[in-house]
Amino acid sequence: MHKNALFFVPLQEKSQKKVKTTLNKRKKAMNKKVMMGAALATVFAMTSCKSSESAYKKAYEKAKAQQTEQPAATQVTPVQTTQNVSVTPVDNTDYSNVAVRTENVTVVTGNPLKSYSVVIGAYSIKANADRTCDFIAGKGYQPQIVMNQERGLYRVVAFTSDSKAEAARTRDVVKNLRSDFAEAWLLYQK
């Protein structure tokens, strides 16, 4: 073996360490440069996104100046006379097969019943029937309270008519006024 052979191995290790150290230094320097570049790009982006509030302010002031320069022109609109025409929609719905119930009832309050009546509630206590009657009257209807003696119930009638179709249409409207009216039905009175 050569007398310098013993020193060759440690020299090789030392040079490898130097190379690693140099590479690490370069890597750190590169990371610093990348971070600085990112920081500069962020700063540039933040400063270039200034609010254009002054541009809006200038446009507003210009419009306001134009408005004050031009006197307001008075426009005269001719009056047109029109006649009120009432249009009644045509309902082609066939209500002949709408179910009706027949009960023996006597009128407690309100006008006499016609052939077809829309019943919206049944109560064993008259005060409850009165409250429902007040509610439906507040909606523009002329309710009646009738008594079914056989069942001991006060029935609240929201609408009564000689036309089955008219009563059925009204029943469909009344069902949507309150959730407990969803079961409204037609009473037929001979």
N, C-alpha and C. Protein backbone atom coordinates (compact mmCIF):
# COMPACT_ATOMS: atom_id res chain seq x y z
N MET A 1 0.82 -1.16 0.00
CA MET A 1 0.00 0.00 0.00
C MET A 1 0.88 1.24 0.00
N HIS A 2 0.40 2.23 -0.62
CA HIS A 2 1.14 3.48 -0.73
C HIS A 2 1.03 4.23 0.57
N LYS A 3 2.08 4.99 0.92
CA LYS A 3 2.08 5.67 2.21
C LYS A 3 1.01 6.78 2.27
N ASN A 4 0.58 7.32 1.15
CA ASN A 4 -0.47 8.35 1.14
C ASN A 4 -1.86 7.73 1.05
N ALA A 5 -1.94 6.43 0.94
CA ALA A 5 -3.24 5.75 0.80
C ALA A 5 -4.09 5.94 2.03
N LEU A 6 -3.46 6.00 3.18
CA LEU A 6 -4.23 6.19 4.41
C LEU A 6 -4.88 7.57 4.44
N PHE A 7 -4.20 8.52 3.85
CA PHE A 7 -4.73 9.88 3.86
C PHE A 7 -5.71 10.14 2.73
N PHE A 8 -5.73 9.24 1.75
CA PHE A 8 -6.60 9.42 0.59
C PHE A 8 -8.08 9.30 0.97
N VAL A 9 -8.38 8.36 1.79
CA VAL A 9 -9.77 8.13 2.20
C VAL A 9 -10.28 9.33 2.98
N PRO A 10 -9.56 9.82 3.95
CA PRO A 10 -10.08 10.98 4.67
C PRO A 10 -10.17 12.21 3.77
N LEU A 11 -9.31 12.37 2.82
CA LEU A 11 -9.40 13.50 1.92
C LEU A 11 -10.66 13.41 1.07
N GLN A 12 -10.98 12.18 0.65
CA GLN A 12 -12.19 11.98 -0.16
C GLN A 12 -13.43 12.33 0.68
N GLU A 13 -13.46 11.93 1.94
CA GLU A 13 -14.58 12.25 2.82
C GLU A 13 -14.68 13.75 3.03
N LYS A 14 -13.51 14.40 3.20
CA LYS A 14 -13.51 15.85 3.40
C LYS A 14 -14.04 16.57 2.18
N SER A 15 -13.67 16.10 0.99
CA SER A 15 -14.15 16.76 -0.22
C SER A 15 -15.66 16.52 -0.41
N GLN A 16 -16.11 15.35 -0.03
CA GLN A 16 -17.56 15.09 -0.12
C GLN A 16 -18.32 16.00 0.84
N LYS A 17 -17.77 16.21 2.03
CA LYS A 17 -18.41 17.10 3.00
C LYS A 17 -18.44 18.53 2.47
N LYS A 18 -17.33 18.93 1.83
CA LYS A 18 -17.26 20.29 1.27
C LYS A 18 -18.31 20.46 0.17
N VAL A 19 -18.43 19.42 -0.66
CA VAL A 19 -19.40 19.48 -1.75
C VAL A 19 -20.81 19.58 -1.17
N LYS A 20 -21.10 18.76 -0.16
CA LYS A 20 -22.44 18.80 0.47
C LYS A 20 -22.70 20.16 1.11
N THR A 21 -21.69 20.68 1.79
CA THR A 21 -21.83 21.98 2.43
C THR A 21 -22.06 23.06 1.39
N THR A 22 -21.33 23.00 0.30
CA THR A 22 -21.49 23.97 -0.77
C THR A 22 -22.88 23.86 -1.40
N LEU A 23 -23.32 22.63 -1.61
CA LEU A 23 -24.66 22.44 -2.17
C LEU A 23 -25.74 22.97 -1.22
N ASN A 24 -25.58 22.70 0.06
CA ASN A 24 -26.56 23.19 1.05
C ASN A 24 -26.60 24.72 1.06
N LYS A 25 -25.40 25.34 0.96
CA LYS A 25 -25.35 26.80 0.94
C LYS A 25 -26.06 27.35 -0.29
N ARG A 26 -25.81 26.69 -1.43
CA ARG A 26 -26.45 27.13 -2.67
C ARG A 26 -27.97 26.94 -2.61
N LYS A 27 -28.37 25.82 -2.00
CA LYS A 27 -29.81 25.54 -1.87
C LYS A 27 -30.47 26.59 -0.99
N LYS A 28 -29.82 26.93 0.12
CA LYS A 28 -30.36 27.97 1.01
C LYS A 28 -30.43 29.31 0.30
N ALA A 29 -29.37 29.61 -0.46
CA ALA A 29 -29.34 30.88 -1.19
C ALA A 29 -30.46 30.91 -2.24
N MET A 30 -30.70 29.77 -2.89
CA MET A 30 -31.77 29.67 -3.89
C MET A 30 -33.14 29.84 -3.21
N ASN A 31 -33.33 29.20 -2.04
CA ASN A 31 -34.60 29.34 -1.31
C ASN A 31 -34.84 30.79 -0.91
N LYS A 32 -33.77 31.47 -0.47
CA LYS A 32 -33.91 32.88 -0.10
C LYS A 32 -34.34 33.71 -1.30
N LYS A 33 -33.74 33.41 -2.48
CA LYS A 33 -34.08 34.16 -3.67
C LYS A 33 -35.54 33.92 -4.07
N VAL A 34 -35.98 32.67 -3.97
CA VAL A 34 -37.37 32.34 -4.31
C VAL A 34 -38.33 33.05 -3.35
N MET A 35 -38.01 33.02 -2.07
CA MET A 35 -38.86 33.68 -1.07
C MET A 35 -38.89 35.19 -1.29
N MET A 36 -37.75 35.77 -1.61
CA MET A 36 -37.71 37.21 -1.86
C MET A 36 -38.53 37.55 -3.11
N GLY A 37 -38.40 36.71 -4.13
CA GLY A 37 -39.17 36.93 -5.36
C GLY A 37 -40.67 36.84 -5.09
N ALA A 38 -41.09 35.86 -4.28
CA ALA A 38 -42.51 35.71 -3.94
C ALA A 38 -42.99 36.90 -3.14
N ALA A 39 -42.15 37.36 -2.20
CA ALA A 39 -42.52 38.52 -1.39
C ALA A 39 -42.66 39.77 -2.26
N LEU A 40 -41.73 39.94 -3.19
CA LEU A 40 -41.81 41.10 -4.08
C LEU A 40 -43.05 41.03 -4.97
N ALA A 41 -43.35 39.84 -5.47
CA ALA A 41 -44.54 39.68 -6.31
C ALA A 41 -45.80 40.00 -5.51
N THR A 42 -45.86 39.57 -4.25
CA THR A 42 -47.02 39.86 -3.40
C THR A 42 -47.16 41.35 -3.16
N VAL A 43 -46.03 41.99 -2.83
CA VAL A 43 -46.06 43.44 -2.59
C VAL A 43 -46.50 44.17 -3.86
N PHE A 44 -45.98 43.75 -5.01
CA PHE A 44 -46.36 44.37 -6.27
C PHE A 44 -47.86 44.18 -6.54
N ALA A 45 -48.35 42.98 -6.28
CA ALA A 45 -49.77 42.70 -6.52
C ALA A 45 -50.64 43.55 -5.60
N MET A 46 -50.23 43.70 -4.36
CA MET A 46 -51.04 44.46 -3.40
C MET A 46 -51.07 45.94 -3.75
N THR A 47 -49.96 46.46 -4.21
CA THR A 47 -49.92 47.90 -4.51
C THR A 47 -50.57 48.22 -5.84
N SER A 48 -50.63 47.26 -6.73
CA SER A 48 -51.23 47.55 -8.04
C SER A 48 -52.75 47.43 -8.00
N CYS A 49 -53.33 46.91 -6.93
CA CYS A 49 -54.78 46.74 -6.83
C CYS A 49 -55.39 47.88 -6.03
N LYS A 50 -54.98 49.08 -6.26
CA LYS A 50 -55.54 50.23 -5.55
C LYS A 50 -57.01 50.39 -5.89
N SER A 51 -57.73 50.91 -4.94
CA SER A 51 -59.15 51.17 -5.16
C SER A 51 -59.29 52.29 -6.18
N SER A 52 -60.25 52.12 -7.06
CA SER A 52 -60.49 53.17 -8.06
C SER A 52 -61.63 54.07 -7.60
N GLU A 53 -61.65 54.31 -6.30
CA GLU A 53 -62.70 55.15 -5.73
C GLU A 53 -62.67 56.55 -6.33
N SER A 54 -61.47 57.06 -6.56
CA SER A 54 -61.38 58.41 -7.11
C SER A 54 -61.99 58.48 -8.50
N ALA A 55 -61.88 57.40 -9.28
CA ALA A 55 -62.48 57.39 -10.62
C ALA A 55 -64.00 57.45 -10.50
N TYR A 56 -64.55 56.71 -9.54
CA TYR A 56 -65.99 56.76 -9.33
C TYR A 56 -66.44 58.14 -8.87
N LYS A 57 -65.63 58.73 -7.99
CA LYS A 57 -65.96 60.05 -7.48
C LYS A 57 -65.97 61.07 -8.61
N LYS A 58 -64.97 60.98 -9.50
CA LYS A 58 -64.89 61.90 -10.63
C LYS A 58 -66.11 61.74 -11.55
N ALA A 59 -66.49 60.51 -11.83
CA ALA A 59 -67.65 60.26 -12.69
C ALA A 59 -68.92 60.81 -12.04
N TYR A 60 -69.04 60.62 -10.73
CA TYR A 60 -70.22 61.13 -10.02
C TYR A 60 -70.28 62.66 -10.09
N GLU A 61 -69.15 63.30 -9.84
CA GLU A 61 -69.10 64.77 -9.88
C GLU A 61 -69.41 65.29 -11.29
N LYS A 62 -68.92 64.59 -12.31
CA LYS A 62 -69.18 64.99 -13.69
C LYS A 62 -70.68 64.89 -13.99
N ALA A 63 -71.30 63.80 -13.58
CA ALA A 63 -72.74 63.62 -13.82
C ALA A 63 -73.54 64.67 -13.06
N LYS A 64 -73.13 64.96 -11.85
CA LYS A 64 -73.84 65.96 -11.05
C LYS A 64 -73.71 67.34 -11.70
N ALA A 65 -72.53 67.65 -12.24
CA ALA A 65 -72.31 68.93 -12.91
C ALA A 65 -73.19 69.05 -14.15
N GLN A 66 -73.30 67.95 -14.91
CA GLN A 66 -74.15 67.96 -16.09
C GLN A 66 -75.61 68.14 -15.71
N GLN A 67 -75.99 67.57 -14.61
CA GLN A 67 -77.38 67.66 -14.17
C GLN A 67 -77.72 69.10 -13.77
N THR A 68 -76.80 69.77 -13.11
CA THR A 68 -77.07 71.14 -12.69
C THR A 68 -77.00 72.11 -13.86
N GLU A 69 -76.22 71.78 -14.90
CA GLU A 69 -76.12 72.64 -16.07
C GLU A 69 -77.41 72.63 -16.88
N GLN A 70 -78.06 71.45 -16.95
CA GLN A 70 -79.28 71.33 -17.77
C GLN A 70 -80.49 71.58 -16.88
N PRO A 71 -81.30 72.57 -17.21
CA PRO A 71 -82.51 72.77 -16.41
C PRO A 71 -83.45 71.60 -16.62
N ALA A 72 -84.13 71.26 -15.55
CA ALA A 72 -85.05 70.13 -15.62
C ALA A 72 -86.18 70.45 -16.58
N ALA A 73 -86.30 69.64 -17.59
CA ALA A 73 -87.36 69.83 -18.59
C ALA A 73 -88.66 69.30 -18.04
N THR A 74 -89.67 70.12 -18.08
CA THR A 74 -90.97 69.72 -17.59
C THR A 74 -91.70 69.00 -18.71
N GLN A 75 -92.05 67.78 -18.42
CA GLN A 75 -92.77 67.00 -19.41
C GLN A 75 -94.24 67.00 -19.06
N VAL A 76 -95.04 67.23 -20.06
CA VAL A 76 -96.47 67.22 -19.87
C VAL A 76 -96.99 65.93 -20.50
N THR A 77 -97.62 65.15 -19.68
CA THR A 77 -98.18 63.90 -20.16
C THR A 77 -99.67 64.10 -20.37
N PRO A 78 -100.16 63.82 -21.56
CA PRO A 78 -101.59 64.01 -21.79
C PRO A 78 -102.39 63.00 -20.96
N VAL A 79 -103.51 63.46 -20.47
CA VAL A 79 -104.38 62.63 -19.66
C VAL A 79 -105.29 61.84 -20.59
N GLN A 80 -105.31 60.56 -20.36
CA GLN A 80 -106.19 59.71 -21.16
C GLN A 80 -107.30 59.20 -20.27
N THR A 81 -108.50 59.28 -20.75
CA THR A 81 -109.65 58.81 -19.99
C THR A 81 -109.96 57.38 -20.43
N THR A 82 -110.06 56.53 -19.44
CA THR A 82 -110.40 55.14 -19.74
C THR A 82 -111.65 54.76 -18.96
N GLN A 83 -112.30 53.75 -19.44
CA GLN A 83 -113.47 53.24 -18.74
C GLN A 83 -113.06 51.99 -18.00
N ASN A 84 -113.60 51.84 -16.80
CA ASN A 84 -113.36 50.62 -16.04
C ASN A 84 -114.21 49.51 -16.63
N VAL A 85 -113.56 48.46 -16.98
CA VAL A 85 -114.26 47.31 -17.54
C VAL A 85 -114.00 46.14 -16.62
N SER A 86 -115.03 45.51 -16.17
CA SER A 86 -114.83 44.35 -15.32
C SER A 86 -114.85 43.10 -16.18
N VAL A 87 -113.84 42.28 -15.95
CA VAL A 87 -113.71 41.06 -16.72
C VAL A 87 -113.91 39.88 -15.77
N THR A 88 -114.81 39.04 -16.11
CA THR A 88 -115.06 37.86 -15.31
C THR A 88 -114.46 36.66 -16.03
N PRO A 89 -113.51 35.99 -15.38
CA PRO A 89 -112.90 34.84 -16.05
C PRO A 89 -113.93 33.72 -16.22
N VAL A 90 -113.80 33.03 -17.30
CA VAL A 90 -114.71 31.93 -17.57
C VAL A 90 -114.10 30.67 -16.97
N ASP A 91 -114.87 30.02 -16.12
CA ASP A 91 -114.42 28.79 -15.49
C ASP A 91 -115.16 27.63 -16.14
N ASN A 92 -114.42 26.83 -16.87
CA ASN A 92 -115.04 25.69 -17.55
C ASN A 92 -114.94 24.41 -16.74
N THR A 93 -114.60 24.51 -15.46
CA THR A 93 -114.48 23.33 -14.63
C THR A 93 -115.85 22.73 -14.38
N ASP A 94 -115.92 21.42 -14.48
CA ASP A 94 -117.17 20.70 -14.26
C ASP A 94 -117.27 20.36 -12.77
N TYR A 95 -118.19 21.00 -12.07
CA TYR A 95 -118.37 20.77 -10.64
C TYR A 95 -119.56 19.84 -10.35
N SER A 96 -120.10 19.23 -11.39
CA SER A 96 -121.28 18.39 -11.18
C SER A 96 -120.98 17.15 -10.35
N ASN A 97 -119.73 16.70 -10.34
CA ASN A 97 -119.41 15.49 -9.59
C ASN A 97 -118.79 15.78 -8.22
N VAL A 98 -118.85 17.02 -7.74
CA VAL A 98 -118.32 17.37 -6.43
C VAL A 98 -119.21 16.76 -5.36
N ALA A 99 -118.59 16.11 -4.39
CA ALA A 99 -119.34 15.44 -3.32
C ALA A 99 -120.00 16.46 -2.40
N VAL A 100 -121.20 16.15 -1.99
CA VAL A 100 -121.94 16.99 -1.03
C VAL A 100 -122.46 16.09 0.08
N ARG A 101 -122.70 16.68 1.25
CA ARG A 101 -123.31 15.96 2.37
C ARG A 101 -124.66 16.60 2.65
N THR A 102 -125.55 15.78 3.14
CA THR A 102 -126.87 16.29 3.54
C THR A 102 -127.02 16.07 5.04
N GLU A 103 -127.34 17.14 5.75
CA GLU A 103 -127.57 17.07 7.20
C GLU A 103 -128.77 17.93 7.55
N ASN A 104 -129.41 17.58 8.63
CA ASN A 104 -130.48 18.42 9.15
C ASN A 104 -129.85 19.42 10.10
N VAL A 105 -129.87 20.69 9.70
CA VAL A 105 -129.28 21.75 10.52
C VAL A 105 -130.28 22.88 10.66
N THR A 106 -130.09 23.64 11.75
CA THR A 106 -130.89 24.85 11.96
C THR A 106 -129.93 26.02 12.10
N VAL A 107 -130.31 27.16 11.53
CA VAL A 107 -129.46 28.35 11.57
C VAL A 107 -129.50 28.94 12.97
N VAL A 108 -128.29 29.16 13.53
CA VAL A 108 -128.17 29.76 14.86
C VAL A 108 -127.93 31.26 14.70
N THR A 109 -126.97 31.62 13.84
CA THR A 109 -126.70 33.04 13.57
C THR A 109 -126.49 33.22 12.08
N GLY A 110 -126.90 34.38 11.58
CA GLY A 110 -126.69 34.69 10.17
C GLY A 110 -127.95 34.50 9.34
N ASN A 111 -127.79 34.67 8.04
CA ASN A 111 -128.90 34.55 7.09
C ASN A 111 -129.27 33.08 6.87
N PRO A 112 -130.45 32.85 6.34
CA PRO A 112 -130.84 31.47 6.02
C PRO A 112 -129.91 30.87 4.96
N LEU A 113 -129.75 29.56 5.01
CA LEU A 113 -128.89 28.88 4.06
C LEU A 113 -129.59 28.71 2.72
N LYS A 114 -128.78 28.71 1.67
CA LYS A 114 -129.28 28.42 0.33
C LYS A 114 -129.02 26.93 0.08
N SER A 115 -129.13 26.48 -1.15
CA SER A 115 -129.02 25.04 -1.44
C SER A 115 -127.65 24.45 -1.11
N TYR A 116 -126.57 25.16 -1.46
CA TYR A 116 -125.22 24.63 -1.24
C TYR A 116 -124.44 25.58 -0.33
N SER A 117 -123.83 25.00 0.70
CA SER A 117 -123.08 25.81 1.67
C SER A 117 -121.69 25.21 1.89
N VAL A 118 -120.72 26.08 2.09
CA VAL A 118 -119.34 25.66 2.35
C VAL A 118 -119.13 25.62 3.86
N VAL A 119 -118.96 24.41 4.40
CA VAL A 119 -118.74 24.23 5.84
C VAL A 119 -117.24 24.17 6.08
N ILE A 120 -116.75 25.06 6.99
CA ILE A 120 -115.31 25.12 7.24
C ILE A 120 -114.91 24.62 8.62
N GLY A 121 -115.88 24.38 9.48
CA GLY A 121 -115.52 23.90 10.82
C GLY A 121 -116.73 23.36 11.56
N ALA A 122 -116.46 22.48 12.52
CA ALA A 122 -117.51 21.90 13.38
C ALA A 122 -117.00 21.94 14.81
N TYR A 123 -117.82 22.48 15.72
CA TYR A 123 -117.39 22.69 17.10
C TYR A 123 -118.49 22.26 18.06
N SER A 124 -118.07 21.70 19.17
CA SER A 124 -119.06 21.34 20.19
C SER A 124 -119.32 22.53 21.11
N ILE A 125 -118.43 23.51 21.11
CA ILE A 125 -118.59 24.71 21.93
C ILE A 125 -118.84 25.89 21.01
N LYS A 126 -119.92 26.62 21.26
CA LYS A 126 -120.32 27.71 20.38
C LYS A 126 -119.28 28.84 20.33
N ALA A 127 -118.58 29.09 21.44
CA ALA A 127 -117.57 30.16 21.46
C ALA A 127 -116.47 29.89 20.43
N ASN A 128 -116.12 28.62 20.24
CA ASN A 128 -115.11 28.29 19.23
C ASN A 128 -115.65 28.55 17.82
N ALA A 129 -116.91 28.23 17.62
CA ALA A 129 -117.54 28.51 16.32
C ALA A 129 -117.60 30.02 16.08
N ASP A 130 -117.88 30.78 17.14
CA ASP A 130 -117.92 32.25 17.01
C ASP A 130 -116.55 32.81 16.60
N ARG A 131 -115.46 32.27 17.17
CA ARG A 131 -114.12 32.75 16.81
C ARG A 131 -113.81 32.48 15.34
N THR A 132 -114.16 31.29 14.87
CA THR A 132 -113.93 30.96 13.46
C THR A 132 -114.80 31.85 12.58
N CYS A 133 -116.00 32.11 13.01
CA CYS A 133 -116.93 32.97 12.28
C CYS A 133 -116.35 34.39 12.17
N ASP A 134 -115.78 34.89 13.26
CA ASP A 134 -115.17 36.22 13.25
C ASP A 134 -113.97 36.26 12.29
N PHE A 135 -113.16 35.21 12.28
CA PHE A 135 -112.00 35.15 11.40
C PHE A 135 -112.44 35.22 9.94
N ILE A 136 -113.39 34.38 9.57
CA ILE A 136 -113.81 34.30 8.16
C ILE A 136 -114.54 35.59 7.75
N ALA A 137 -115.23 36.23 8.69
CA ALA A 137 -115.88 37.51 8.40
C ALA A 137 -114.81 38.57 8.12
N GLY A 138 -113.68 38.48 8.82
CA GLY A 138 -112.57 39.41 8.58
C GLY A 138 -111.96 39.23 7.21
N LYS A 139 -112.19 38.13 6.57
CA LYS A 139 -111.68 37.87 5.22
C LYS A 139 -112.69 38.27 4.15
N GLY A 140 -113.80 38.87 4.56
CA GLY A 140 -114.77 39.37 3.59
C GLY A 140 -115.96 38.47 3.33
N TYR A 141 -116.10 37.39 4.06
CA TYR A 141 -117.23 36.48 3.87
C TYR A 141 -118.34 36.84 4.84
N GLN A 142 -119.54 36.34 4.58
CA GLN A 142 -120.69 36.54 5.46
C GLN A 142 -121.08 35.18 6.05
N PRO A 143 -120.40 34.77 7.11
CA PRO A 143 -120.58 33.42 7.64
C PRO A 143 -121.88 33.26 8.45
N GLN A 144 -122.26 32.01 8.58
CA GLN A 144 -123.40 31.64 9.43
C GLN A 144 -122.94 30.52 10.36
N ILE A 145 -123.63 30.40 11.46
CA ILE A 145 -123.43 29.25 12.34
C ILE A 145 -124.72 28.46 12.33
N VAL A 146 -124.59 27.16 12.04
CA VAL A 146 -125.76 26.28 12.04
C VAL A 146 -125.51 25.18 13.06
N MET A 147 -126.61 24.59 13.54
CA MET A 147 -126.49 23.56 14.57
C MET A 147 -127.00 22.24 14.01
N ASN A 148 -126.19 21.20 14.17
CA ASN A 148 -126.61 19.85 13.84
C ASN A 148 -126.98 19.20 15.18
N GLN A 149 -128.28 19.15 15.47
CA GLN A 149 -128.78 18.63 16.74
C GLN A 149 -128.42 17.16 16.93
N GLU A 150 -128.48 16.41 15.84
CA GLU A 150 -128.23 14.97 15.90
C GLU A 150 -126.81 14.67 16.39
N ARG A 151 -125.84 15.47 15.97
CA ARG A 151 -124.44 15.26 16.35
C ARG A 151 -123.98 16.20 17.47
N GLY A 152 -124.78 17.19 17.78
CA GLY A 152 -124.42 18.14 18.83
C GLY A 152 -123.26 19.04 18.43
N LEU A 153 -123.20 19.42 17.15
CA LEU A 153 -122.10 20.23 16.66
C LEU A 153 -122.59 21.53 16.04
N TYR A 154 -121.84 22.58 16.31
CA TYR A 154 -122.05 23.86 15.64
C TYR A 154 -121.19 23.85 14.37
N ARG A 155 -121.81 24.04 13.23
CA ARG A 155 -121.09 24.09 11.96
C ARG A 155 -120.93 25.56 11.54
N VAL A 156 -119.73 25.91 11.10
CA VAL A 156 -119.50 27.27 10.60
C VAL A 156 -119.55 27.20 9.08
N VAL A 157 -120.47 27.99 8.53
CA VAL A 157 -120.65 28.05 7.08
C VAL A 157 -120.03 29.36 6.60
N ALA A 158 -119.05 29.25 5.69
CA ALA A 158 -118.36 30.45 5.18
C ALA A 158 -119.13 31.09 4.04
N PHE A 159 -119.84 30.28 3.26
CA PHE A 159 -120.48 30.79 2.06
C PHE A 159 -121.66 29.89 1.72
N THR A 160 -122.70 30.50 1.19
CA THR A 160 -123.87 29.72 0.78
C THR A 160 -124.38 30.26 -0.55
N SER A 161 -124.84 29.36 -1.41
CA SER A 161 -125.26 29.74 -2.76
C SER A 161 -126.25 28.71 -3.30
N ASP A 162 -127.02 29.14 -4.29
CA ASP A 162 -127.90 28.19 -4.97
C ASP A 162 -127.16 27.46 -6.08
N SER A 163 -125.94 27.91 -6.39
CA SER A 163 -125.14 27.30 -7.45
C SER A 163 -124.09 26.37 -6.84
N LYS A 164 -124.14 25.12 -7.24
CA LYS A 164 -123.17 24.14 -6.74
C LYS A 164 -121.76 24.51 -7.21
N ALA A 165 -121.63 24.96 -8.45
CA ALA A 165 -120.32 25.32 -9.00
C ALA A 165 -119.72 26.50 -8.23
N GLU A 166 -120.55 27.49 -7.95
CA GLU A 166 -120.07 28.67 -7.20
C GLU A 166 -119.64 28.27 -5.79
N ALA A 167 -120.40 27.43 -5.15
CA ALA A 167 -120.06 26.96 -3.81
C ALA A 167 -118.76 26.15 -3.85
N ALA A 168 -118.59 25.31 -4.86
CA ALA A 168 -117.38 24.49 -4.97
C ALA A 168 -116.15 25.36 -5.22
N ARG A 169 -116.29 26.38 -6.07
CA ARG A 169 -115.17 27.30 -6.31
C ARG A 169 -114.78 28.03 -5.03
N THR A 170 -115.78 28.49 -4.30
CA THR A 170 -115.51 29.20 -3.05
C THR A 170 -114.86 28.26 -2.03
N ARG A 171 -115.32 27.02 -1.98
CA ARG A 171 -114.71 26.04 -1.07
C ARG A 171 -113.23 25.88 -1.39
N ASP A 172 -112.88 25.83 -2.67
CA ASP A 172 -111.48 25.67 -3.07
C ASP A 172 -110.63 26.87 -2.64
N VAL A 173 -111.22 28.06 -2.66
CA VAL A 173 -110.51 29.26 -2.23
C VAL A 173 -110.36 29.28 -0.71
N VAL A 174 -111.44 28.96 -0.01
CA VAL A 174 -111.46 29.01 1.46
C VAL A 174 -110.49 27.98 2.05
N LYS A 175 -110.31 26.87 1.39
CA LYS A 175 -109.38 25.84 1.90
C LYS A 175 -107.98 26.38 2.09
N ASN A 176 -107.60 27.38 1.33
CA ASN A 176 -106.24 27.93 1.40
C ASN A 176 -106.10 29.07 2.40
N LEU A 177 -107.18 29.48 3.05
CA LEU A 177 -107.10 30.60 3.99
C LEU A 177 -106.42 30.21 5.30
N ARG A 178 -106.66 29.00 5.74
CA ARG A 178 -106.10 28.53 7.01
C ARG A 178 -105.96 27.02 6.94
N SER A 179 -104.97 26.48 7.59
CA SER A 179 -104.70 25.04 7.47
C SER A 179 -105.87 24.18 7.97
N ASP A 180 -106.59 24.64 8.99
CA ASP A 180 -107.70 23.82 9.48
C ASP A 180 -108.95 23.93 8.61
N PHE A 181 -108.90 24.75 7.56
CA PHE A 181 -110.01 24.80 6.59
C PHE A 181 -109.78 23.85 5.42
N ALA A 182 -108.68 23.12 5.42
CA ALA A 182 -108.34 22.24 4.30
C ALA A 182 -109.39 21.14 4.09
N GLU A 183 -110.13 20.83 5.13
CA GLU A 183 -111.15 19.78 5.04
C GLU A 183 -112.55 20.37 4.77
N ALA A 184 -112.62 21.58 4.28
CA ALA A 184 -113.93 22.22 4.00
C ALA A 184 -114.74 21.34 3.04
N TRP A 185 -116.04 21.33 3.23
CA TRP A 185 -116.90 20.48 2.42
C TRP A 185 -118.21 21.20 2.11
N LEU A 186 -118.99 20.63 1.19
CA LEU A 186 -120.25 21.23 0.78
C LEU A 186 -121.43 20.55 1.48
N LEU A 187 -122.31 21.37 2.02
CA LEU A 187 -123.54 20.91 2.65
C LEU A 187 -124.68 21.20 1.69
N TYR A 188 -125.49 20.19 1.42
CA TYR A 188 -126.65 20.38 0.55
C TYR A 188 -127.89 20.47 1.42
N GLN A 189 -128.63 21.55 1.20
CA GLN A 189 -129.86 21.81 1.96
C GLN A 189 -131.01 21.85 0.97
N LYS A 190 -131.99 20.97 1.12
CA LYS A 190 -133.12 20.94 0.20
C LYS A 190 -134.06 22.10 0.43
